[in-house]
């Protein structure tokens, strides 16, 4: 008559038992367990926080491009999205590209498929009013139709006219934040401010004719103080550098973006006398290309942060090895008893792997809470709508559990290999 086989617990019961034993082990070794959980929590919190920040920034960027007009595009001197970092030849990537001119913007603006072609360049200036002085103000030299490309409203005054652009009038539109900080409770319209270049010894008095409040997004929150002036006044009165001038193109709604781009390319090639086999010496950048560039940059940044956060997981993993080896040593007799009553090596291995996984999963949960707190603080106190994506929760907990099982494999294997007779002799 054959002897009865020992009963085998179901996988679910084994898992439940392993979790219970794991919590008992954590309670018995609070300091070691706490340090291990802390290491994992730091690594996971970095991953979750970065995922929340990147998700929030990306959604803000997409909303900003959408509000500015998804069909709009920019004519620039060179395609900066294709610039490769390397030793190079010491020359800037635009050295052999001609500067975009206001005449070319006028030519593009006369196309039937184009609603507006805005000549534009950026400049830096200092601004003075009475005893008040603000430095490093971002300025934009623009054609008069710039509000079509900038979402927001005039809360006081008006925009400058095409005639004021042609005549290089010393008029300026200021942002609402700049108007508040510069004039306080005074009405800014009609007041004279002195603009000066921080790079050249030039200055001139400009009359404030408008106050513009942009729609809130990640870009407007980053730069609150700015001015807009006729590009002709910037060139004539402030000697602004127009080497990186561009044309902001607003297509006519009756035409597709690709059709408008084809017509703009044809017009500029004709104006520059380019032959059929010559490449374009300018570039067109649409919102989709800029978003793709942004995604690549944030992707690289996120990979770097993942690499840094893995250091925290590594610390937690080393802690798992230490605490589990100690646990195996302290519970050698228990292992011998379990094997004597029929537990297999696989069951012992599984028990200790579950213990290690529970340990690091607790660290992952703590890291999620830390990351959620960081995301909430960022969204509450900054313009970045940081949000934790669902995939990052799964990745964080999965990475934490996997870390525990990988680093707990050696102690678990050691426990599973113990001979019952030898283990039962342990004190």
Protein backbone atom coordinates (compact mmCIF):
# COMPACT_ATOMS: atom_id res chain seq x y z
CA UNK A 1 0.00 0.00 0.00
CA UNK A 2 1.50 3.31 -1.10
CA UNK A 3 2.08 6.06 1.44
CA UNK A 4 -0.13 9.20 1.12
CA UNK A 5 1.39 12.17 -0.68
CA UNK A 6 1.65 15.42 1.30
CA UNK A 7 -1.03 17.89 0.35
CA UNK A 8 0.02 20.82 -1.77
CA UNK A 9 -1.32 24.31 -1.12
CA UNK A 10 -2.88 26.22 -3.99
CA UNK A 11 -0.76 28.99 -5.64
CA UNK A 12 -3.11 31.61 -4.18
CA UNK A 13 -2.79 30.17 -0.68
CA UNK A 14 0.98 30.01 -1.08
CA UNK A 15 1.04 33.63 -2.18
CA UNK A 16 -1.15 34.70 0.73
CA UNK A 17 1.03 32.76 3.15
CA UNK A 18 4.18 34.27 1.66
CA UNK A 19 2.78 37.79 2.04
CA UNK A 20 1.83 37.13 5.66
CA UNK A 21 5.29 35.75 6.45
CA UNK A 22 6.85 38.73 4.66
CA UNK A 23 5.00 41.20 6.89
CA UNK A 24 6.02 39.23 9.98
CA UNK A 25 9.66 39.44 8.82
CA UNK A 26 9.32 43.18 8.22
CA UNK A 27 7.96 43.67 11.74
CA UNK A 28 10.87 41.74 13.20
CA UNK A 29 13.49 43.76 11.26
CA UNK A 30 12.04 47.26 11.15
CA UNK A 31 15.30 49.17 10.68
CA UNK A 32 16.71 46.98 7.90
CA UNK A 33 13.33 46.84 6.17
CA UNK A 34 12.88 50.61 6.50
CA UNK A 35 16.22 51.37 4.89
CA UNK A 36 15.46 49.00 2.03
CA UNK A 37 12.00 50.52 1.49
CA UNK A 38 13.52 54.01 1.57
CA UNK A 39 16.04 53.19 -1.16
CA UNK A 40 13.35 51.79 -3.44
CA UNK A 41 10.98 54.67 -2.63
CA UNK A 42 13.55 57.27 -3.69
CA UNK A 43 14.13 55.57 -7.04
CA UNK A 44 10.42 55.12 -7.74
CA UNK A 45 9.51 58.66 -6.66
CA UNK A 46 12.02 60.09 -9.14
CA UNK A 47 10.48 58.06 -11.98
CA UNK A 48 6.92 59.04 -11.05
CA UNK A 49 7.75 62.71 -10.53
CA UNK A 50 9.57 62.98 -13.85
CA UNK A 51 6.73 61.20 -15.65
CA UNK A 52 4.24 63.64 -14.09
CA UNK A 53 6.34 66.68 -15.02
CA UNK A 54 6.95 65.57 -18.60
CA UNK A 55 3.28 64.67 -19.08
CA UNK A 56 2.21 68.06 -17.74
CA UNK A 57 4.72 70.02 -19.79
CA UNK A 58 3.84 68.07 -22.93
CA UNK A 59 0.12 68.72 -22.50
CA UNK A 60 0.84 72.43 -21.93
CA UNK A 61 3.01 72.60 -25.05
CA UNK A 62 0.35 70.87 -27.13
CA UNK A 63 -2.32 73.23 -25.83
CA UNK A 64 -0.12 76.24 -26.56
CA UNK A 65 0.49 75.15 -30.14
CA UNK A 66 -3.18 74.30 -30.58
CA UNK A 67 -4.32 77.71 -29.31
CA UNK A 68 -1.77 79.50 -31.50
CA UNK A 69 -3.13 77.73 -34.57
CA UNK A 70 -2.13 74.19 -35.54
CA UNK A 71 -2.02 75.12 -39.23
CA UNK A 72 0.40 78.01 -38.74
CA UNK A 73 4.07 77.52 -39.54
CA UNK A 74 7.33 79.46 -39.47
CA UNK A 75 9.88 80.27 -42.17
CA UNK A 76 13.33 80.28 -40.55
CA UNK A 77 16.91 80.72 -41.66
CA UNK A 78 17.82 77.08 -40.91
CA UNK A 79 16.16 73.97 -39.54
CA UNK A 80 17.32 73.93 -35.93
CA UNK A 81 15.39 70.68 -35.27
CA UNK A 82 17.94 68.80 -37.40
CA UNK A 83 21.05 70.21 -35.70
CA UNK A 84 23.40 67.42 -34.58
CA UNK A 85 25.72 67.86 -31.63
CA UNK A 86 29.32 67.00 -32.41
CA UNK A 87 32.79 68.43 -33.03
CA UNK A 88 31.59 70.31 -36.15
CA UNK A 89 33.79 72.71 -38.10
CA UNK A 90 33.58 75.70 -35.77
CA UNK A 91 30.90 77.42 -37.84
CA UNK A 92 27.30 77.96 -36.75
CA UNK A 93 24.75 75.87 -38.69
CA UNK A 94 23.32 78.99 -40.36
CA UNK A 95 26.60 80.50 -41.56
CA UNK A 96 25.87 79.83 -45.25
CA UNK A 97 22.15 80.62 -45.10
CA UNK A 98 20.95 84.11 -46.12
CA UNK A 99 19.05 86.17 -43.56
CA UNK A 100 15.26 86.25 -43.82
CA UNK A 101 14.24 89.75 -44.93
CA UNK A 102 11.16 91.91 -44.47
CA UNK A 103 10.81 92.08 -48.27
CA UNK A 104 10.50 88.29 -48.37
CA UNK A 105 7.80 88.45 -45.71
CA UNK A 106 5.91 91.00 -47.85
CA UNK A 107 6.22 88.70 -50.86
CA UNK A 108 4.86 85.74 -48.90
CA UNK A 109 2.06 87.89 -47.49
CA UNK A 110 0.85 88.73 -51.00
CA UNK A 111 0.14 85.05 -51.78
CA UNK A 112 -3.57 84.27 -52.06
CA UNK A 113 -3.18 81.20 -49.84
CA UNK A 114 -1.65 83.26 -47.00
CA UNK A 115 -3.80 85.22 -44.57
CA UNK A 116 -0.85 86.85 -42.79
CA UNK A 117 2.95 86.75 -43.07
CA UNK A 118 4.53 88.37 -40.04
CA UNK A 119 8.14 89.43 -40.10
CA UNK A 120 9.60 88.90 -36.63
CA UNK A 121 12.79 88.83 -34.63
CA UNK A 122 13.64 88.76 -30.94
CA UNK A 123 15.64 91.32 -28.99
CA UNK A 124 16.67 92.02 -25.42
CA UNK A 125 16.19 95.43 -23.87
CA UNK A 126 16.21 97.32 -20.59
CA UNK A 127 13.25 99.54 -19.81
CA UNK A 128 13.04 102.66 -17.61
CA UNK A 129 10.14 104.71 -16.33
CA UNK A 130 11.01 107.45 -13.87
CA UNK A 131 13.13 105.88 -11.15
CA UNK A 132 11.90 102.40 -12.01
CA UNK A 133 14.21 100.24 -14.14
CA UNK A 134 13.77 96.64 -15.29
CA UNK A 135 16.54 94.78 -17.09
CA UNK A 136 16.66 91.86 -19.48
CA UNK A 137 13.17 92.33 -20.91
CA UNK A 138 12.32 90.06 -23.83
CA UNK A 139 11.25 92.08 -26.85
CA UNK A 140 9.71 91.12 -30.17
CA UNK A 141 10.07 93.17 -33.31
CA UNK A 142 6.89 92.44 -35.26
CA UNK A 143 4.73 93.38 -38.19
CA UNK A 144 1.36 94.83 -37.18
CA UNK A 145 -0.64 91.59 -37.56
CA UNK A 146 1.09 89.78 -34.69
CA UNK A 147 -2.08 89.29 -32.54
CA UNK A 148 -3.22 86.70 -35.10
CA UNK A 149 -0.29 84.54 -34.01
CA UNK A 150 -0.48 85.35 -30.29
CA UNK A 151 -3.50 84.24 -28.29
CA UNK A 152 -4.74 86.82 -25.81
CA UNK A 153 -6.48 90.19 -25.60
CA UNK A 154 -5.71 93.88 -25.30
CA UNK A 155 -6.88 94.93 -21.85
CA UNK A 156 -5.95 98.55 -22.51
CA UNK A 157 -5.03 100.64 -25.55
CA UNK A 158 -4.42 99.23 -29.00
CA UNK A 159 -1.98 97.56 -31.35
CA UNK A 160 0.34 99.54 -33.64
CA UNK A 161 -0.83 100.07 -37.22
CA UNK A 162 0.84 99.16 -40.54
CA UNK A 163 1.49 102.90 -41.03
CA UNK A 164 3.34 103.08 -37.72
CA UNK A 165 5.45 100.11 -38.84
CA UNK A 166 6.28 101.78 -42.15
CA UNK A 167 7.23 105.01 -40.40
CA UNK A 168 9.31 103.30 -37.66
CA UNK A 169 7.23 104.98 -34.96
CA UNK A 170 8.53 104.70 -31.39
CA UNK A 171 5.48 102.94 -29.99
CA UNK A 172 5.36 99.83 -27.86
CA UNK A 173 2.88 97.27 -26.50
CA UNK A 174 3.68 95.84 -23.06
CA UNK A 175 2.52 92.68 -21.28
CA UNK A 176 0.02 93.05 -18.46
CA UNK A 177 2.54 91.79 -15.88
CA UNK A 178 5.15 94.30 -17.06
CA UNK A 179 2.61 97.15 -16.97
CA UNK A 180 1.71 96.29 -13.37
CA UNK A 181 5.31 96.09 -12.18
CA UNK A 182 6.45 99.18 -14.07
CA UNK A 183 3.51 101.57 -13.59
CA UNK A 184 1.70 100.19 -10.56
CA UNK A 185 -1.80 101.67 -10.38
CA UNK A 186 -1.08 104.33 -13.03
CA UNK A 187 -2.68 104.15 -16.45
CA UNK A 188 0.20 103.05 -18.74
CA UNK A 189 -1.38 104.26 -22.00
CA UNK A 190 0.41 107.27 -23.44
CA UNK A 191 3.30 107.16 -20.98
CA UNK A 192 6.86 107.41 -22.25
CA UNK A 193 9.39 104.72 -21.39
CA UNK A 194 13.06 104.58 -22.29
CA UNK A 195 14.28 101.44 -24.02
CA UNK A 196 17.98 100.68 -24.23
CA UNK A 197 19.99 97.81 -25.63
CA UNK A 198 22.14 95.86 -23.13
CA UNK A 199 24.53 95.02 -25.97
CA UNK A 200 24.82 98.35 -27.79
CA UNK A 201 25.09 101.93 -26.60
CA UNK A 202 21.70 102.93 -28.00
CA UNK A 203 18.52 104.09 -26.30
CA UNK A 204 15.32 105.85 -27.27
CA UNK A 205 12.01 106.93 -25.79
CA UNK A 206 8.92 104.89 -26.75
CA UNK A 207 5.26 105.64 -26.09
CA UNK A 208 3.13 102.87 -24.57
CA UNK A 209 0.03 102.42 -26.73
CA UNK A 210 -1.29 99.04 -25.56
CA UNK A 211 -1.34 96.45 -22.77
CA UNK A 212 -1.72 92.84 -23.87
CA UNK A 213 -2.69 89.92 -21.64
CA UNK A 214 -1.84 86.53 -23.20
CA UNK A 215 -3.73 83.32 -22.61
CA UNK A 216 -2.14 81.32 -19.83
CA UNK A 217 0.17 78.49 -20.88
CA UNK A 218 3.60 77.15 -19.99
CA UNK A 219 5.34 79.71 -22.25
CA UNK A 220 3.58 82.82 -20.99
CA UNK A 221 4.13 81.75 -17.38
CA UNK A 222 7.87 81.33 -18.02
CA UNK A 223 8.25 84.86 -19.46
CA UNK A 224 5.89 87.39 -17.90
CA UNK A 225 7.73 90.63 -18.78
CA UNK A 226 7.85 91.30 -22.51
CA UNK A 227 7.22 94.01 -25.07
CA UNK A 228 6.21 94.14 -28.73
CA UNK A 229 7.28 97.00 -30.99
CA UNK A 230 7.31 97.66 -34.74
CA UNK A 231 10.21 95.72 -36.22
CA UNK A 232 11.26 98.83 -38.14
CA UNK A 233 11.57 100.78 -34.89
CA UNK A 234 13.64 97.98 -33.39
CA UNK A 235 16.04 98.06 -36.33
CA UNK A 236 16.26 101.84 -36.66
CA UNK A 237 16.09 103.06 -33.07
CA UNK A 238 17.60 100.16 -31.08
CA UNK A 239 19.92 98.71 -33.76
CA UNK A 240 18.42 95.27 -33.12
CA UNK A 241 20.05 92.15 -34.55
CA UNK A 242 17.82 90.61 -37.22
CA UNK A 243 20.18 87.76 -38.18
CA UNK A 244 17.66 85.20 -36.86
CA UNK A 245 14.56 86.90 -38.22
CA UNK A 246 11.68 84.66 -39.25
CA UNK A 247 8.31 84.80 -40.98
CA UNK A 248 5.28 83.58 -39.05
CA UNK A 249 2.77 82.38 -41.63
CA UNK A 250 -0.98 82.21 -40.97
CA UNK A 251 -2.59 80.22 -43.82
CA UNK A 252 -5.90 81.18 -45.32
CA UNK A 253 -8.57 78.84 -43.93
CA UNK A 254 -9.60 77.84 -47.46
CA UNK A 255 -6.23 76.15 -48.10
CA UNK A 256 -4.52 73.15 -46.56
CA UNK A 257 -1.24 73.63 -44.73
CA UNK A 258 0.70 71.54 -47.27
CA UNK A 259 -0.68 73.63 -50.15
CA UNK A 260 0.30 76.87 -48.43
CA UNK A 261 3.76 75.53 -47.63
CA UNK A 262 4.30 74.57 -51.27
CA UNK A 263 3.35 78.07 -52.42
CA UNK A 264 5.59 79.72 -49.83
CA UNK A 265 8.53 77.54 -50.84
CA UNK A 266 7.97 78.36 -54.51
CA UNK A 267 7.76 82.10 -53.78
CA UNK A 268 10.96 82.17 -51.71
CA UNK A 269 12.91 80.02 -54.16
CA UNK A 270 11.90 82.38 -56.94
CA UNK A 271 12.84 85.44 -54.88
CA UNK A 272 16.27 83.97 -54.10
CA UNK A 273 16.90 82.76 -57.65
CA UNK A 274 17.43 79.12 -56.68
CA UNK A 275 17.78 76.68 -59.56
CA UNK A 276 15.78 73.42 -59.86
CA UNK A 277 18.63 71.33 -58.45
CA UNK A 278 19.61 73.68 -55.65
CA UNK A 279 18.44 72.92 -52.14
CA UNK A 280 16.36 75.37 -50.15
CA UNK A 281 18.51 77.80 -48.19
CA UNK A 282 15.69 78.32 -45.67
CA UNK A 283 13.42 76.00 -43.71
CA UNK A 284 9.74 75.68 -42.84
CA UNK A 285 8.83 74.49 -39.36
CA UNK A 286 5.30 73.41 -38.51
CA UNK A 287 3.89 72.73 -35.06
CA UNK A 288 4.15 68.97 -35.60
CA UNK A 289 7.92 69.21 -36.15
CA UNK A 290 8.41 71.34 -33.05
CA UNK A 291 6.36 68.90 -30.98
CA UNK A 292 8.38 65.99 -32.34
CA UNK A 293 11.61 67.77 -31.37
CA UNK A 294 10.21 68.44 -27.92
CA UNK A 295 9.28 64.77 -27.54
CA UNK A 296 12.80 63.69 -28.48
CA UNK A 297 14.39 66.09 -26.01
CA UNK A 298 12.10 65.11 -23.16
CA UNK A 299 12.58 61.44 -24.05
CA UNK A 300 16.35 61.75 -23.66
CA UNK A 301 15.91 63.68 -20.43
CA UNK A 302 13.54 61.03 -19.11
CA UNK A 303 16.01 58.24 -19.93
CA UNK A 304 18.73 60.11 -18.02
CA UNK A 305 16.43 60.45 -15.02
CA UNK A 306 15.57 56.74 -15.25
CA UNK A 307 19.27 55.94 -15.14
CA UNK A 308 19.72 58.15 -12.08
CA UNK A 309 16.67 56.69 -10.35
CA UNK A 310 18.00 53.18 -10.93
CA UNK A 311 20.67 54.05 -8.35
CA UNK A 312 17.91 54.20 -5.75
CA UNK A 313 16.55 50.84 -6.89
CA UNK A 314 20.08 49.43 -6.75
CA UNK A 315 20.44 50.60 -3.15
CA UNK A 316 17.11 48.99 -2.37
CA UNK A 317 18.18 45.81 -4.16
CA UNK A 318 21.38 45.54 -2.15
CA UNK A 319 19.29 46.01 0.97
CA UNK A 320 17.01 43.19 -0.17
CA UNK A 321 19.99 40.82 -0.48
CA UNK A 322 21.20 41.74 2.99
CA UNK A 323 17.86 41.49 4.77
CA UNK A 324 16.88 38.27 3.00
CA UNK A 325 20.23 36.56 3.73
CA UNK A 326 19.81 37.45 7.39
CA UNK A 327 16.23 36.19 7.25
CA UNK A 328 17.37 32.87 5.76
CA UNK A 329 20.00 32.48 8.48
CA UNK A 330 17.55 33.30 11.27
CA UNK A 331 14.89 30.94 9.88
CA UNK A 332 17.07 27.97 8.93
CA UNK A 333 15.32 25.69 11.43
CA UNK A 334 11.91 26.79 10.17
CA UNK A 335 12.99 25.92 6.63
CA UNK A 336 14.09 22.48 7.84
CA UNK A 337 10.72 21.86 9.51
CA UNK A 338 8.83 22.89 6.38
CA UNK A 339 10.93 20.60 4.22
CA UNK A 340 10.49 17.74 6.71
CA UNK A 341 6.71 17.96 6.37
CA UNK A 342 6.86 17.93 2.58
CA UNK A 343 7.60 21.46 1.31
CA UNK A 344 9.46 21.38 -2.01
CA UNK A 345 12.39 23.51 -3.07
CA UNK A 346 10.09 25.40 -5.41
CA UNK A 347 7.73 26.30 -2.56
CA UNK A 348 10.59 27.52 -0.37
CA UNK A 349 12.03 29.50 -3.28
CA UNK A 350 8.63 31.03 -4.00
CA UNK A 351 8.07 31.98 -0.36
CA UNK A 352 11.29 33.95 -0.11
CA UNK A 353 10.81 35.56 -3.52
CA UNK A 354 7.35 36.72 -2.42
CA UNK A 355 8.89 38.17 0.75
CA UNK A 356 11.47 40.10 -1.27
CA UNK A 357 8.80 41.27 -3.73
CA UNK A 358 6.53 42.49 -0.92
CA UNK A 359 9.43 44.39 0.63
CA UNK A 360 10.24 46.34 -2.53
CA UNK A 361 6.58 46.74 -3.56
CA UNK A 362 6.04 48.57 -0.27
CA UNK A 363 8.96 50.79 -1.27
CA UNK A 364 7.32 51.31 -4.67
CA UNK A 365 4.02 52.30 -3.02
CA UNK A 366 5.86 54.76 -0.77
CA UNK A 367 7.63 56.15 -3.83
CA UNK A 368 4.27 56.59 -5.58
CA UNK A 369 3.00 58.61 -2.64
CA UNK A 370 6.12 60.79 -2.67
CA UNK A 371 5.83 61.27 -6.45
CA UNK A 372 2.13 62.11 -6.15
CA UNK A 373 2.91 64.71 -3.49
CA UNK A 374 5.61 66.25 -5.71
CA UNK A 375 3.25 66.31 -8.70
CA UNK A 376 0.49 67.94 -6.63
CA UNK A 377 2.89 70.57 -5.33
CA UNK A 378 4.15 71.32 -8.84
CA UNK A 379 0.63 71.64 -10.25
CA UNK A 380 -0.49 73.79 -7.30
CA UNK A 381 2.42 76.20 -7.08
CA UNK A 382 3.67 76.37 -10.71
CA UNK A 383 2.00 76.76 -14.13
CA UNK A 384 2.94 73.17 -15.06
CA UNK A 385 -0.15 70.91 -14.81
CA UNK A 386 1.85 67.91 -13.57
CA UNK A 387 -0.21 64.72 -13.83
CA UNK A 388 0.82 61.15 -13.01
CA UNK A 389 0.12 58.98 -16.08
CA UNK A 390 -1.38 55.56 -15.37
CA UNK A 391 1.46 53.78 -17.13
CA UNK A 392 3.97 55.21 -14.67
CA UNK A 393 2.06 53.66 -11.74
CA UNK A 394 2.28 50.21 -13.32
CA UNK A 395 5.91 50.71 -14.30
CA UNK A 396 6.86 51.91 -10.82
CA UNK A 397 5.20 49.06 -8.95
CA UNK A 398 6.35 46.50 -11.51
CA UNK A 399 9.94 47.74 -11.37
CA UNK A 400 9.88 47.67 -7.58
CA UNK A 401 8.51 44.13 -7.41
CA UNK A 402 10.92 42.93 -10.09
CA UNK A 403 13.83 44.51 -8.23
CA UNK A 404 12.88 42.59 -5.09
CA UNK A 405 12.57 39.29 -6.89
CA UNK A 406 15.80 39.69 -8.84
CA UNK A 407 17.87 40.70 -5.84
CA UNK A 408 16.05 38.23 -3.61
CA UNK A 409 16.80 35.34 -5.94
CA UNK A 410 20.17 34.53 -4.37
CA UNK A 411 18.90 34.32 -0.76
CA UNK A 412 15.81 32.43 -1.91
CA UNK A 413 17.92 29.95 -3.84
CA UNK A 414 20.16 29.48 -0.81
CA UNK A 415 17.12 28.76 1.36
CA UNK A 416 15.69 26.32 -1.17
CA UNK A 417 18.99 24.38 -1.35
CA UNK A 418 19.20 23.73 2.38
CA UNK A 419 19.08 20.03 3.32
CA UNK A 420 16.31 19.26 5.85
CA UNK A 421 18.58 17.33 8.23
CA UNK A 422 21.21 20.09 8.28
CA UNK A 423 18.56 22.78 8.67
CA UNK A 424 16.88 21.00 11.59
CA UNK A 425 20.16 20.96 13.48
CA UNK A 426 20.42 24.73 13.35
CA UNK A 427 19.88 26.60 16.61
